[in-house]
Protein backbone atom coordinates (compact mmCIF):
# COMPACT_ATOMS: atom_id res chain seq x y z
CA MET A 1 33.35 -32.36 37.00
CA VAL A 2 32.50 -33.08 33.48
CA ASN A 3 36.29 -35.29 32.39
CA THR A 4 35.73 -37.00 36.01
CA LEU A 5 31.93 -37.83 34.86
CA THR A 6 33.39 -38.45 31.44
CA GLN A 7 35.75 -40.88 32.51
CA LEU A 8 33.60 -43.20 34.51
CA LEU A 9 30.70 -43.36 31.81
CA LEU A 10 33.03 -43.91 29.10
CA THR A 11 35.97 -45.94 30.61
CA SER A 12 35.64 -47.92 34.14
CA ASN A 13 33.91 -50.94 34.82
CA ARG A 14 31.84 -48.95 37.03
CA GLY A 15 30.64 -46.82 34.11
CA ALA A 16 29.53 -49.65 32.22
CA SER A 17 27.21 -50.84 34.64
CA ASP A 18 25.99 -47.06 35.14
CA LEU A 19 25.28 -46.57 31.37
CA VAL A 20 23.17 -50.13 31.45
CA SER A 21 21.28 -48.43 34.68
CA ILE A 22 21.02 -45.10 32.72
CA LYS A 23 19.51 -47.22 30.06
CA ASP A 24 16.75 -49.13 31.83
CA THR A 25 15.75 -46.00 33.84
CA LEU A 26 15.10 -44.50 29.77
CA VAL A 27 13.25 -47.82 29.21
CA SER A 28 10.57 -47.29 32.14
CA ILE A 29 10.21 -43.55 31.36
CA ALA A 30 9.82 -44.05 27.79
CA GLN A 31 7.11 -46.88 28.57
CA GLU A 32 5.50 -44.47 30.98
CA GLY A 33 5.61 -41.58 28.30
CA GLY A 34 4.31 -43.92 25.93
CA ASP A 35 1.18 -44.89 28.24
CA MET A 36 0.64 -41.14 28.69
CA MET A 37 0.40 -41.26 24.79
CA LEU A 38 -2.22 -44.11 24.38
CA ALA A 39 -3.76 -42.60 27.10
CA ALA A 40 -4.54 -39.19 25.08
CA ASP A 41 -7.44 -38.19 22.69
CA PRO A 42 -6.05 -36.57 19.80
CA SER A 43 -8.92 -35.84 18.29
CA VAL A 44 -9.52 -33.12 21.55
CA ASP A 45 -5.61 -32.52 22.20
CA THR A 46 -5.32 -28.95 22.26
CA SER A 47 -2.63 -28.45 19.64
CA ASP A 48 -0.98 -25.46 18.65
CA SER A 49 1.17 -24.20 15.78
CA LYS A 50 5.10 -23.10 16.07
CA ARG A 51 6.21 -21.82 13.05
CA ASN A 52 2.97 -22.63 10.48
CA SER A 53 0.56 -25.27 10.36
CA SER A 54 2.74 -28.07 9.59
CA ASP A 55 4.92 -27.85 13.03
CA ARG A 56 2.81 -28.65 15.68
CA VAL A 57 2.73 -28.96 19.90
CA THR A 58 0.10 -30.89 21.63
CA ALA A 59 -0.83 -30.44 25.53
CA THR A 60 0.58 -34.42 25.39
CA ASP A 61 3.91 -33.14 24.24
CA LYS A 62 4.20 -30.73 26.70
CA ALA A 63 3.19 -33.21 29.54
CA VAL A 64 5.27 -36.48 28.43
CA GLU A 65 8.23 -33.75 28.66
CA ASN A 66 7.94 -32.23 32.24
CA MET A 67 7.30 -36.28 32.92
CA VAL A 68 10.85 -37.22 32.14
CA SER A 69 12.10 -34.30 32.99
CA SER A 70 10.99 -34.43 36.41
CA ARG A 71 11.98 -38.25 36.74
CA LEU A 72 15.36 -37.49 35.07
CA ARG A 73 16.29 -34.54 37.60
CA ALA A 74 15.13 -36.70 40.32
CA ALA A 75 17.27 -39.37 39.31
CA TYR A 76 20.33 -37.93 37.82
CA PRO A 77 20.32 -34.34 39.22
CA ASP A 78 23.69 -33.58 38.46
CA PHE A 79 23.16 -34.29 34.65
CA GLU A 80 22.05 -31.53 32.18
CA PHE A 81 18.26 -31.84 30.09
CA LEU A 82 17.71 -31.02 26.71
CA GLY A 83 14.48 -31.23 25.92
CA GLU A 84 12.62 -29.81 22.70
CA GLU A 85 9.61 -28.38 24.65
CA THR A 86 11.52 -26.85 27.67
CA LEU A 87 14.58 -25.41 25.48
CA LYS A 88 15.64 -22.63 26.95
CA ASP A 89 17.20 -19.59 24.46
CA GLY A 90 20.70 -20.28 23.31
CA GLN A 91 20.76 -23.20 25.11
CA LYS A 92 23.07 -25.69 23.08
CA LEU A 93 24.77 -29.54 23.83
CA GLY A 94 27.92 -29.16 26.06
CA ASP A 95 30.10 -32.16 27.12
CA ALA A 96 28.55 -32.27 30.25
CA PRO A 97 26.65 -35.58 30.66
CA THR A 98 23.37 -34.64 28.99
CA PHE A 99 19.71 -36.10 28.40
CA VAL A 100 18.46 -35.52 25.14
CA CYS A 101 14.68 -35.53 25.02
CA ASP A 102 11.63 -35.71 22.19
CA PRO A 103 8.30 -36.27 23.74
CA ILE A 104 6.54 -37.22 21.08
CA ASP A 105 8.50 -37.23 17.63
CA GLY A 106 6.14 -37.42 14.43
CA THR A 107 3.36 -35.07 16.50
CA LEU A 108 1.50 -34.72 13.21
CA ASN A 109 1.22 -38.63 13.15
CA PHE A 110 -0.30 -38.42 16.87
CA ILE A 111 -2.67 -35.89 15.82
CA HIS A 112 -4.21 -37.56 12.99
CA GLY A 113 -4.16 -41.10 14.69
CA PHE A 114 -1.47 -42.44 12.49
CA PRO A 115 0.31 -44.79 14.49
CA ASN A 116 4.08 -44.02 13.73
CA THR A 117 5.19 -41.80 16.40
CA ALA A 118 7.74 -42.34 19.45
CA ILE A 119 9.05 -41.10 22.37
CA SER A 120 12.96 -40.74 22.05
CA LEU A 121 15.49 -40.57 25.19
CA ALA A 122 19.25 -39.94 24.92
CA LEU A 123 22.21 -39.83 26.97
CA THR A 124 25.09 -37.66 25.63
CA VAL A 125 28.54 -37.11 26.76
CA SER A 126 30.89 -35.12 25.40
CA LYS A 127 28.74 -34.10 23.25
CA LYS A 128 28.13 -38.03 21.36
CA PRO A 129 25.42 -40.29 22.00
CA VAL A 130 26.13 -43.31 24.60
CA VAL A 131 22.59 -44.16 25.12
CA GLY A 132 19.55 -44.43 23.37
CA VAL A 133 15.96 -45.30 23.56
CA VAL A 134 13.48 -45.00 20.95
CA PHE A 135 9.75 -46.62 21.45
CA ASN A 136 6.40 -46.47 19.58
CA PRO A 137 3.54 -47.26 21.94
CA PHE A 138 1.01 -47.56 19.62
CA ARG A 139 2.88 -50.86 17.78
CA ASN A 140 5.14 -51.72 21.19
CA GLU A 141 8.46 -51.65 19.94
CA LEU A 142 11.63 -50.76 21.35
CA TYR A 143 14.77 -49.49 20.15
CA THR A 144 17.83 -49.41 22.77
CA ALA A 145 21.33 -49.22 22.66
CA ILE A 146 24.31 -48.61 24.97
CA ARG A 147 27.77 -47.17 23.16
CA GLY A 148 29.91 -50.75 22.60
CA ARG A 149 27.49 -53.10 23.82
CA GLY A 150 24.89 -53.09 20.52
CA ALA A 151 21.34 -52.12 19.30
CA PHE A 152 18.33 -53.97 20.24
CA LEU A 153 14.53 -54.43 19.25
CA GLN A 154 11.91 -55.26 21.55
CA LYS A 155 9.22 -56.04 19.24
CA THR A 156 5.32 -56.39 20.54
CA ASN A 157 5.42 -59.93 21.50
CA GLY A 158 8.28 -59.25 23.74
CA SER A 159 11.07 -60.79 21.33
CA ILE A 160 14.66 -59.23 21.87
CA HIS A 161 16.68 -58.83 18.75
CA LYS A 162 19.87 -57.66 17.92
CA LEU A 163 20.43 -55.33 15.39
CA PRO A 164 20.64 -55.32 12.20
CA ILE A 165 17.36 -57.54 11.77
CA ARG A 166 19.74 -59.77 9.13
CA GLN A 167 22.97 -60.35 11.53
CA ASN A 168 25.22 -60.57 7.82
CA PRO A 169 23.59 -57.88 6.09
CA THR A 170 23.96 -57.94 2.42
CA ALA A 171 26.76 -55.37 0.83
CA LEU A 172 25.08 -51.91 -0.45
CA THR A 173 25.59 -52.09 -4.60
CA GLY A 174 24.18 -47.79 -5.19
CA LEU A 175 21.31 -46.07 -4.49
CA ASN A 176 20.03 -47.92 -7.55
CA GLY A 177 19.10 -50.92 -4.89
CA CYS A 178 18.12 -49.03 -2.43
CA LEU A 179 14.94 -48.20 -0.04
CA VAL A 180 15.24 -45.00 0.71
CA ALA A 181 13.44 -42.72 3.68
CA ILE A 182 12.75 -38.86 3.38
CA GLU A 183 11.01 -36.18 5.34
CA TRP A 184 8.80 -33.10 4.12
CA GLY A 185 9.18 -31.35 7.40
CA SER A 186 7.39 -28.10 7.53
CA GLU A 187 9.33 -25.71 5.53
CA ARG A 188 7.50 -25.86 2.34
CA SER A 189 8.99 -22.82 0.40
CA GLY A 190 12.56 -21.43 -0.71
CA PRO A 191 15.58 -22.94 -1.70
CA ASN A 192 15.54 -26.18 0.91
CA TRP A 193 12.31 -27.04 0.09
CA ASP A 194 13.05 -26.54 -3.80
CA LEU A 195 16.51 -29.08 -2.68
CA ARG A 196 14.06 -31.47 -1.02
CA THR A 197 11.55 -31.61 -3.84
CA ASP A 198 14.02 -31.71 -6.66
CA MET A 199 16.25 -34.66 -5.22
CA THR A 200 12.92 -36.79 -4.39
CA ARG A 201 12.12 -36.60 -8.09
CA LYS A 202 15.84 -37.49 -9.28
CA LEU A 203 15.85 -40.66 -6.53
CA MET A 204 12.84 -41.79 -8.10
CA SER A 205 12.90 -41.26 -11.93
CA ALA A 206 14.93 -43.53 -14.07
CA LYS A 207 18.16 -43.69 -15.21
CA SER A 208 17.46 -42.88 -18.78
CA VAL A 209 16.36 -39.60 -17.58
CA GLY A 210 19.82 -38.74 -15.10
CA GLY A 211 17.83 -40.15 -12.24
CA ALA A 212 18.69 -42.69 -9.63
CA MET A 213 16.09 -45.12 -9.78
CA VAL A 214 15.74 -46.32 -5.98
CA HIS A 215 13.58 -49.01 -5.46
CA SER A 216 11.25 -46.46 -3.94
CA ILE A 217 11.01 -43.61 -1.23
CA ARG A 218 9.40 -43.65 1.96
CA CYS A 219 7.94 -40.83 4.62
CA SER A 220 7.32 -42.02 7.89
CA GLY A 221 6.67 -38.63 10.04
CA SER A 222 9.66 -39.83 12.62
CA ALA A 223 13.39 -39.25 12.26
CA ALA A 224 13.79 -41.08 15.46
CA LEU A 225 11.87 -43.62 13.93
CA ASP A 226 13.60 -43.77 10.61
CA PHE A 227 16.61 -43.96 12.24
CA CYS A 228 15.66 -47.18 14.00
CA TYR A 229 14.63 -48.42 10.83
CA VAL A 230 17.91 -47.94 8.58
CA ALA A 231 19.49 -49.84 12.12
CA ALA A 232 17.08 -52.52 11.82
CA GLY A 233 18.03 -52.89 8.25
CA SER A 234 14.34 -52.07 7.06
CA ILE A 235 15.34 -49.02 5.60
CA ASP A 236 18.65 -48.39 3.49
CA VAL A 237 19.54 -44.41 3.61
CA PHE A 238 17.68 -41.62 5.25
CA TRP A 239 18.29 -38.35 4.32
CA GLU A 240 17.20 -35.16 5.60
CA GLY A 241 18.04 -31.41 6.69
CA GLY A 242 16.14 -29.30 9.07
CA CYS A 243 15.28 -31.84 12.02
CA TRP A 244 16.37 -30.79 15.41
CA ILE A 245 19.07 -32.84 17.74
CA TRP A 246 16.41 -34.23 19.72
CA ASP A 247 14.62 -36.11 16.59
CA ILE A 248 17.35 -38.06 15.98
CA CYS A 249 20.06 -38.31 19.09
CA ALA A 250 18.72 -41.62 20.52
CA GLY A 251 18.33 -42.90 16.68
CA TRP A 252 21.99 -41.91 15.91
CA ILE A 253 23.42 -44.28 18.80
CA ILE A 254 20.81 -46.87 18.12
CA LEU A 255 22.54 -46.98 13.90
CA GLU A 256 26.14 -47.01 15.00
CA GLU A 257 25.64 -49.64 17.27
CA ALA A 258 23.87 -51.61 14.52
CA GLY A 259 26.83 -51.09 12.17
CA GLY A 260 25.72 -47.67 10.67
CA MET A 261 26.73 -44.57 9.50
CA VAL A 262 26.16 -41.25 10.04
CA ALA A 263 27.47 -38.54 7.09
CA SER A 264 26.19 -34.74 6.58
CA ALA A 265 23.24 -34.70 4.32
CA ASN A 266 25.57 -31.75 2.75
CA PRO A 267 27.91 -33.21 0.04
CA GLY A 268 31.91 -33.71 1.74
CA ASP A 269 31.00 -33.68 5.19
CA TRP A 270 31.77 -37.25 6.64
CA ASP A 271 31.72 -35.77 10.49
CA PRO A 272 28.52 -34.18 11.23
CA SER A 273 27.58 -33.07 14.45
CA LEU A 274 24.23 -33.80 16.40
CA GLU A 275 23.28 -30.52 16.61
CA GLY A 276 24.19 -29.79 12.53
CA ARG A 277 20.54 -30.30 11.77
CA LEU A 278 21.93 -32.59 8.54
CA TYR A 279 21.92 -36.19 8.58
CA LEU A 280 22.71 -38.91 6.14
CA ALA A 281 22.02 -42.44 7.74
CA VAL A 282 23.22 -45.35 6.02
CA ARG A 283 22.79 -49.11 7.21
CA GLY A 284 24.91 -51.72 8.21
CA ALA A 285 26.41 -53.33 5.32
CA ALA A 286 29.41 -55.63 4.07
CA SER A 287 30.41 -52.98 2.17
CA GLY A 288 29.28 -49.85 -0.15
CA GLN A 289 28.41 -47.70 2.62
CA GLU A 290 30.51 -44.77 1.46
CA GLU A 291 29.70 -45.61 -2.50
CA VAL A 292 26.44 -44.97 -1.77
CA ILE A 293 26.77 -41.55 0.17
CA GLU A 294 28.85 -40.62 -2.18
CA GLU A 295 26.61 -41.37 -4.89
CA MET A 296 23.79 -39.53 -2.68
CA TRP A 297 26.05 -36.41 -2.59
CA GLY A 298 26.51 -36.65 -6.22
CA CYS A 299 22.57 -36.28 -6.89
CA MET A 300 22.69 -32.91 -5.02
CA GLY A 301 25.52 -31.49 -7.40
CA GLU A 302 26.87 -27.91 -6.28
CA ARG A 303 23.06 -27.78 -3.87
CA LYS A 304 23.23 -27.65 -0.04
CA PHE A 305 20.55 -27.21 2.47
CA VAL A 306 21.20 -24.17 4.59
CA PHE A 307 19.60 -23.89 7.55
CA ALA A 308 20.26 -21.34 11.09
CA LYS A 309 21.13 -23.46 14.02
């Protein structure tokens, strides 16, 4: 069945139309989830810690994921489902068509009322994303992509723009010319934290003291939206270790369909996996993508992130 569905979804004429239908279903579900987020009052929403006080889950996270799961299981009962809040012990992404869900990416933003948070929904086949939908209801911005059919942003006024926003993106000439996104994560001590903070300092520092002198660094609080901002060309580079497949799955296909690249956050790996927890996203460019990736890796020296998978 897996091989039949894979061939159907990726190679047949019917498969192409099915992917459009799936994208439309995911958009409808994302908008319903967005309405639930807008209707919630984060100041009274029950919030629990996962690993520590910076890793949170709310009642709305759980309610949105339950809605997503119910609707997708009803519409596509033969497909697998992998969600942040309902993940089973030992569950891993397989080759079968699988929906991947992050009900609220940017939960800390949501709790604090900071309007940079999104619902992220994707379909994978053979462990690769083929459809992605990321919706920020607070800004009414909808990012979508289907493999082989491009990536798009629908803005709050209803206008639709093919990504990247600049259709002839300029070349990347080095980190010195880049706006870089880095997230702090919930791990606040140890070697991974030391690497993250040291890299932030090195990227920001002047070249005269051994730094890369990037334009600046942004921390939006949502990896899903960071990928989308790189796809749009608003951010040049996003370097991240430690987040999960549901954080980046939809954004990954949106970025690739916008001409971007995804390498590993750790040096030397040009073909990271969705579940690898190591991501270096670079915007579409006339040239210079590989050079920027290698320059970022060079800033790390011999150091690497190490995470349990």
